[in-house]
Amino acid sequence: MGESYGVRDLVMLLHSSLQRTAVSAEADILRHYHSVLTSKLGTRGVLSRARNASCGTGSLRREWSGRGWATGARAAGYTEEVMMAHYSLCVADYVRFMAGWGFWGTDPKWSSRQAEALLLRLDGGHQATAEQYRQAVEREFPVH
């Protein structure tokens, strides 16, 4: 299967299996996930690298793998903001995948609204070229 951002699995779970009545708890679920993940990784002193992540652009892959994430102290660098950037990109990737296979799961409109919000941030509501999208992704999700 390959490696990816850890939240990709969470996107798959939430957007395909969450009960519709629990959609409003998304923010709480994500905060809890982040808290437990960083706590566990800090305890173990390890945060796995995600080389060649399958969602996002090459520069985001370099951001994730280039940080090293080798110690518990560095796990603190995986902030909620970083997690949410990864999450939004993975939701967009999930919607892209489902558009090819046919939507099913929790609430396809919920997933699509999140992907549309990301696209609006990237293109301001106007179709862009591949290069313009690449530049917009780098602008919105800079590599540090």
C-alpha atoms as a PDB file:
ATOM      1  CA  MET A   1       0.000   0.000   0.000  1.00  0.00           C
ATOM      2  CA  GLY A   2       2.811   2.446   0.665  1.00  0.00           C
ATOM      3  CA  GLU A   3       3.180   5.217   3.180  1.00  0.00           C
ATOM      4  CA  SER A   4       1.096   8.324   3.645  1.00  0.00           C
ATOM      5  CA  TYR A   5       0.101  10.897   6.201  1.00  0.00           C
ATOM      6  CA  GLY A   6      -1.260   9.197   9.311  1.00  0.00           C
ATOM      7  CA  VAL A   7      -4.488  11.163   9.073  1.00  0.00           C
ATOM      8  CA  ARG A   8      -5.242   9.580   5.707  1.00  0.00           C
ATOM      9  CA  ASP A   9      -6.525   6.509   7.534  1.00  0.00           C
ATOM     10  CA  LEU A  10      -8.553   8.765   9.808  1.00  0.00           C
ATOM     11  CA  VAL A  11     -10.086  10.478   6.754  1.00  0.00           C
ATOM     12  CA  MET A  12     -11.018   7.078   5.330  1.00  0.00           C
ATOM     13  CA  LEU A  13     -12.589   6.046   8.638  1.00  0.00           C
ATOM     14  CA  LEU A  14     -14.497   9.271   9.283  1.00  0.00           C
ATOM     15  CA  HIS A  15     -15.648   9.895   5.737  1.00  0.00           C
ATOM     16  CA  SER A  16     -16.677   6.338   4.978  1.00  0.00           C
ATOM     17  CA  SER A  17     -17.854   4.902   8.302  1.00  0.00           C
ATOM     18  CA  LEU A  18     -18.848   7.620  10.736  1.00  0.00           C
ATOM     19  CA  GLN A  19     -22.543   7.753  11.554  1.00  0.00           C
ATOM     20  CA  ARG A  20     -24.132  10.853  10.051  1.00  0.00           C
ATOM     21  CA  THR A  21     -25.241  11.978  13.493  1.00  0.00           C
ATOM     22  CA  ALA A  22     -21.585  12.049  14.611  1.00  0.00           C
ATOM     23  CA  VAL A  23     -20.348  14.333  11.796  1.00  0.00           C
ATOM     24  CA  SER A  24     -20.659  17.323  14.123  1.00  0.00           C
ATOM     25  CA  ALA A  25     -18.057  15.706  16.404  1.00  0.00           C
ATOM     26  CA  GLU A  26     -15.344  15.834  13.714  1.00  0.00           C
ATOM     27  CA  ALA A  27     -13.319  18.604  15.402  1.00  0.00           C
ATOM     28  CA  ASP A  28     -13.432  16.817  18.757  1.00  0.00           C
ATOM     29  CA  ILE A  29     -12.382  13.532  17.152  1.00  0.00           C
ATOM     30  CA  LEU A  30      -9.454  15.214  15.392  1.00  0.00           C
ATOM     31  CA  ARG A  31      -8.281  16.962  18.578  1.00  0.00           C
ATOM     32  CA  HIS A  32      -8.490  13.679  20.473  1.00  0.00           C
ATOM     33  CA  TYR A  33      -6.619  11.832  17.719  1.00  0.00           C
ATOM     34  CA  HIS A  34      -3.837  14.440  17.744  1.00  0.00           C
ATOM     35  CA  SER A  35      -3.581  14.419  21.523  1.00  0.00           C
ATOM     36  CA  VAL A  36      -3.350  10.636  21.799  1.00  0.00           C
ATOM     37  CA  LEU A  37      -1.006  10.317  18.822  1.00  0.00           C
ATOM     38  CA  THR A  38       1.527  12.873  20.039  1.00  0.00           C
ATOM     39  CA  SER A  39       1.304  11.524  23.583  1.00  0.00           C
ATOM     40  CA  LYS A  40       1.939   7.939  22.490  1.00  0.00           C
ATOM     41  CA  LEU A  41       4.707   8.906  20.107  1.00  0.00           C
ATOM     42  CA  GLY A  42       6.320  11.086  22.747  1.00  0.00           C
ATOM     43  CA  THR A  43       6.258   8.185  25.190  1.00  0.00           C
ATOM     44  CA  ARG A  44       7.859   5.870  22.661  1.00  0.00           C
ATOM     45  CA  GLY A  45      10.257   8.531  21.407  1.00  0.00           C
ATOM     46  CA  VAL A  46       9.482   7.752  17.803  1.00  0.00           C
ATOM     47  CA  LEU A  47       7.372   9.312  15.081  1.00  0.00           C
ATOM     48  CA  SER A  48       7.557   7.342  11.849  1.00  0.00           C
ATOM     49  CA  ARG A  49       8.592   9.067   8.674  1.00  0.00           C
ATOM     50  CA  ALA A  50       6.033   9.227   5.910  1.00  0.00           C
ATOM     51  CA  ARG A  51       8.212   9.065   2.821  1.00  0.00           C
ATOM     52  CA  ASN A  52       6.470   9.494  -0.500  1.00  0.00           C
ATOM     53  CA  ALA A  53       3.107  10.271   1.064  1.00  0.00           C
ATOM     54  CA  SER A  54       0.320   9.662  -1.405  1.00  0.00           C
ATOM     55  CA  CYS A  55      -1.724  12.772  -0.713  1.00  0.00           C
ATOM     56  CA  GLY A  56      -0.518  16.282  -1.313  1.00  0.00           C
ATOM     57  CA  THR A  57       2.304  17.470  -3.540  1.00  0.00           C
ATOM     58  CA  GLY A  58       5.947  16.571  -3.738  1.00  0.00           C
ATOM     59  CA  SER A  59       6.900  19.552  -1.600  1.00  0.00           C
ATOM     60  CA  LEU A  60       4.518  18.437   1.132  1.00  0.00           C
ATOM     61  CA  ARG A  61       6.013  14.978   0.957  1.00  0.00           C
ATOM     62  CA  ARG A  62       9.437  16.567   1.427  1.00  0.00           C
ATOM     63  CA  GLU A  63       8.092  18.632   4.341  1.00  0.00           C
ATOM     64  CA  TRP A  64       6.863  15.551   6.174  1.00  0.00           C
ATOM     65  CA  SER A  65       9.829  13.296   5.499  1.00  0.00           C
ATOM     66  CA  GLY A  66      12.379  16.080   5.794  1.00  0.00           C
ATOM     67  CA  ARG A  67      11.421  16.937   9.353  1.00  0.00           C
ATOM     68  CA  GLY A  68      12.917  13.683  10.561  1.00  0.00           C
ATOM     69  CA  TRP A  69      10.350  13.191  13.351  1.00  0.00           C
ATOM     70  CA  ALA A  70      12.802  10.876  15.067  1.00  0.00           C
ATOM     71  CA  THR A  71      12.345  11.731  18.749  1.00  0.00           C
ATOM     72  CA  GLY A  72       9.574  12.366  21.219  1.00  0.00           C
ATOM     73  CA  ALA A  73      10.644  15.988  21.435  1.00  0.00           C
ATOM     74  CA  ARG A  74      10.174  16.313  17.711  1.00  0.00           C
ATOM     75  CA  ALA A  75       6.700  14.793  17.998  1.00  0.00           C
ATOM     76  CA  ALA A  76       5.762  18.119  19.567  1.00  0.00           C
ATOM     77  CA  GLY A  77       6.459  19.659  16.143  1.00  0.00           C
ATOM     78  CA  TYR A  78       3.508  17.749  14.741  1.00  0.00           C
ATOM     79  CA  THR A  79       1.064  20.444  15.761  1.00  0.00           C
ATOM     80  CA  GLU A  80      -2.682  20.400  15.278  1.00  0.00           C
ATOM     81  CA  GLU A  81      -2.112  22.936  12.495  1.00  0.00           C
ATOM     82  CA  VAL A  82       0.214  20.553  10.638  1.00  0.00           C
ATOM     83  CA  MET A  83      -2.202  17.691  11.218  1.00  0.00           C
ATOM     84  CA  MET A  84      -5.121  19.751   9.892  1.00  0.00           C
ATOM     85  CA  ALA A  85      -3.166  20.707   6.768  1.00  0.00           C
ATOM     86  CA  HIS A  86      -2.505  17.022   6.157  1.00  0.00           C
ATOM     87  CA  TYR A  87      -6.144  16.221   6.944  1.00  0.00           C
ATOM     88  CA  SER A  88      -7.547  18.754   4.469  1.00  0.00           C
ATOM     89  CA  LEU A  89      -5.277  17.486   1.707  1.00  0.00           C
ATOM     90  CA  CYS A  90      -6.229  13.900   2.474  1.00  0.00           C
ATOM     91  CA  VAL A  91      -9.943  14.761   2.392  1.00  0.00           C
ATOM     92  CA  ALA A  92      -9.423  16.286  -1.060  1.00  0.00           C
ATOM     93  CA  ASP A  93      -7.566  13.128  -2.126  1.00  0.00           C
ATOM     94  CA  TYR A  94     -10.376  10.963  -0.719  1.00  0.00           C
ATOM     95  CA  VAL A  95     -12.990  12.950  -2.673  1.00  0.00           C
ATOM     96  CA  ARG A  96     -10.871  12.683  -5.830  1.00  0.00           C
ATOM     97  CA  PHE A  97     -10.689   8.907  -5.362  1.00  0.00           C
ATOM     98  CA  MET A  98     -14.400   8.541  -4.600  1.00  0.00           C
ATOM     99  CA  ALA A  99     -15.342  10.675  -7.617  1.00  0.00           C
ATOM    100  CA  GLY A 100     -13.770   7.974  -9.770  1.00  0.00           C
ATOM    101  CA  TRP A 101     -15.414   5.051  -7.995  1.00  0.00           C
ATOM    102  CA  GLY A 102     -18.739   6.478  -6.928  1.00  0.00           C
ATOM    103  CA  PHE A 103     -19.476   8.092  -3.606  1.00  0.00           C
ATOM    104  CA  TRP A 104     -20.636   6.137  -0.584  1.00  0.00           C
ATOM    105  CA  GLY A 105     -20.084   6.391   3.107  1.00  0.00           C
ATOM    106  CA  THR A 106     -20.871   8.831   5.871  1.00  0.00           C
ATOM    107  CA  ASP A 107     -22.064  11.865   3.926  1.00  0.00           C
ATOM    108  CA  PRO A 108     -20.650  12.502   0.459  1.00  0.00           C
ATOM    109  CA  LYS A 109     -21.829  16.119   0.579  1.00  0.00           C
ATOM    110  CA  TRP A 110     -19.875  16.660   3.813  1.00  0.00           C
ATOM    111  CA  SER A 111     -16.703  15.289   2.188  1.00  0.00           C
ATOM    112  CA  SER A 112     -17.249  17.278  -0.997  1.00  0.00           C
ATOM    113  CA  ARG A 113     -17.835  20.530   0.926  1.00  0.00           C
ATOM    114  CA  GLN A 114     -14.491  20.089   2.672  1.00  0.00           C
ATOM    115  CA  ALA A 115     -12.684  19.442  -0.627  1.00  0.00           C
ATOM    116  CA  GLU A 116     -14.441  22.427  -2.221  1.00  0.00           C
ATOM    117  CA  ALA A 117     -13.346  24.651   0.677  1.00  0.00           C
ATOM    118  CA  LEU A 118      -9.735  23.627   0.080  1.00  0.00           C
ATOM    119  CA  LEU A 119     -10.054  24.282  -3.659  1.00  0.00           C
ATOM    120  CA  LEU A 120     -11.559  27.701  -2.947  1.00  0.00           C
ATOM    121  CA  ARG A 121      -8.541  28.517  -0.780  1.00  0.00           C
ATOM    122  CA  LEU A 122      -6.278  27.437  -3.622  1.00  0.00           C
ATOM    123  CA  ASP A 123      -7.969  28.990  -6.635  1.00  0.00           C
ATOM    124  CA  GLY A 124     -10.367  31.635  -5.307  1.00  0.00           C
ATOM    125  CA  GLY A 125     -13.230  29.981  -7.182  1.00  0.00           C
ATOM    126  CA  HIS A 126     -11.581  30.164 -10.601  1.00  0.00           C
ATOM    127  CA  GLN A 127     -10.221  27.197 -12.497  1.00  0.00           C
ATOM    128  CA  ALA A 128      -6.433  27.270 -12.545  1.00  0.00           C
ATOM    129  CA  THR A 129      -3.693  25.539 -14.475  1.00  0.00           C
ATOM    130  CA  ALA A 130      -1.741  22.668 -12.941  1.00  0.00           C
ATOM    131  CA  GLU A 131       1.168  25.061 -12.350  1.00  0.00           C
ATOM    132  CA  GLN A 132      -1.103  27.602 -10.637  1.00  0.00           C
ATOM    133  CA  TYR A 133      -2.467  24.878  -8.357  1.00  0.00           C
ATOM    134  CA  ARG A 134       1.070  23.728  -7.555  1.00  0.00           C
ATOM    135  CA  GLN A 135       2.034  27.284  -6.618  1.00  0.00           C
ATOM    136  CA  ALA A 136      -1.133  27.718  -4.565  1.00  0.00           C
ATOM    137  CA  VAL A 137      -0.481  24.509  -2.631  1.00  0.00           C
ATOM    138  CA  GLU A 138       3.058  25.671  -1.889  1.00  0.00           C
ATOM    139  CA  ARG A 139       1.683  29.057  -0.790  1.00  0.00           C
ATOM    140  CA  GLU A 140      -1.017  27.587   1.468  1.00  0.00           C
ATOM    141  CA  PHE A 141       1.119  24.742   2.812  1.00  0.00           C
ATOM    142  CA  PRO A 142       4.686  26.096   2.886  1.00  0.00           C
ATOM    143  CA  VAL A 143       7.606  23.810   3.536  1.00  0.00           C
ATOM    144  CA  HIS A 144       9.462  24.869   6.665  1.00  0.00           C
END
